[in-house]
Amino acid sequence: MKNKNTNLTQSLKQLRSILEWFDSKEEVDIEEGLKKVKEAAIIIRESKERLREIENEFEEIKKGMAHED
């Protein structure tokens, strides 16, 4: 898992690429399609984890600013 190294912008580009792959196919090869779906699921899971980490970081910053008052 990538966790802190997960770049959300890059993850969105990867997901867009997978979507474009599906859109470009008149007929989708089931095996290849399954690989793409699995890849997308991993990217989504890692992105959700990273978003939670970012949210926690913002909360910590907020708490730190509140204590400075």
Protein backbone atom coordinates (compact mmCIF):
# COMPACT_ATOMS: atom_id res chain seq x y z
CA MET A 1 0.00 0.00 0.00
CA LYS A 2 1.13 3.49 -0.79
CA ASN A 3 -0.48 5.41 2.11
CA LYS A 4 1.44 8.66 2.64
CA ASN A 5 3.02 8.33 -0.78
CA THR A 6 -0.38 8.20 -2.43
CA ASN A 7 -0.63 11.23 -4.64
CA LEU A 8 -4.32 11.95 -5.06
CA THR A 9 -3.84 13.80 -8.34
CA GLN A 10 -1.93 10.85 -9.79
CA SER A 11 -4.58 8.44 -8.48
CA LEU A 12 -7.32 10.40 -10.25
CA LYS A 13 -5.30 10.29 -13.48
CA GLN A 14 -4.95 6.52 -13.13
CA LEU A 15 -8.69 6.12 -12.52
CA ARG A 16 -9.45 8.34 -15.51
CA SER A 17 -7.13 6.20 -17.64
CA ILE A 18 -8.96 3.04 -16.56
CA LEU A 19 -12.32 4.62 -17.34
CA GLU A 20 -11.08 5.73 -20.75
CA TRP A 21 -9.86 2.18 -21.41
CA PHE A 22 -13.37 0.85 -20.78
CA ASP A 23 -14.96 3.64 -22.84
CA SER A 24 -12.65 2.95 -25.79
CA LYS A 25 -13.62 -0.71 -26.05
CA GLU A 26 -16.51 -1.82 -28.17
CA GLU A 27 -16.26 -5.22 -26.48
CA VAL A 28 -14.41 -5.63 -23.20
CA ASP A 29 -12.25 -8.71 -22.65
CA ILE A 30 -13.59 -10.11 -19.37
CA GLU A 31 -10.17 -11.09 -17.97
CA GLU A 32 -8.56 -7.76 -18.84
CA GLY A 33 -11.62 -5.90 -17.56
CA LEU A 34 -11.39 -7.74 -14.25
CA LYS A 35 -7.73 -6.72 -13.92
CA LYS A 36 -8.69 -3.08 -14.54
CA VAL A 37 -11.52 -3.23 -11.98
CA LYS A 38 -9.17 -4.73 -9.35
CA GLU A 39 -6.59 -2.03 -10.10
CA ALA A 40 -9.25 0.69 -9.73
CA ALA A 41 -10.45 -0.79 -6.43
CA ILE A 42 -6.92 -0.67 -5.00
CA ILE A 43 -6.45 2.93 -6.14
CA ILE A 44 -9.80 3.94 -4.61
CA ARG A 45 -9.00 2.22 -1.29
CA GLU A 46 -5.57 3.88 -1.09
CA SER A 47 -7.07 7.26 -1.99
CA LYS A 48 -9.71 6.96 0.74
CA GLU A 49 -6.99 6.13 3.27
CA ARG A 50 -4.94 9.12 2.16
CA LEU A 51 -7.97 11.41 2.35
CA ARG A 52 -8.55 10.28 5.94
CA GLU A 53 -4.90 11.02 6.75
CA ILE A 54 -5.18 14.48 5.20
CA GLU A 55 -8.38 15.15 7.15
CA ASN A 56 -6.60 14.16 10.37
CA GLU A 57 -3.67 16.44 9.52
CA PHE A 58 -6.06 19.36 9.01
CA GLU A 59 -7.76 18.61 12.33
CA GLU A 60 -4.38 18.63 14.10
CA ILE A 61 -3.53 21.97 12.50
CA LYS A 62 -6.90 23.34 13.56
CA LYS A 63 -6.36 22.17 17.14
CA GLY A 64 -2.88 23.69 17.16
CA MET A 65 -4.23 27.03 15.95
CA ALA A 66 -6.97 26.99 18.60
CA HIS A 67 -4.37 26.57 21.33
CA GLU A 68 -2.42 29.58 20.08
CA ASP A 69 -5.29 31.99 20.82
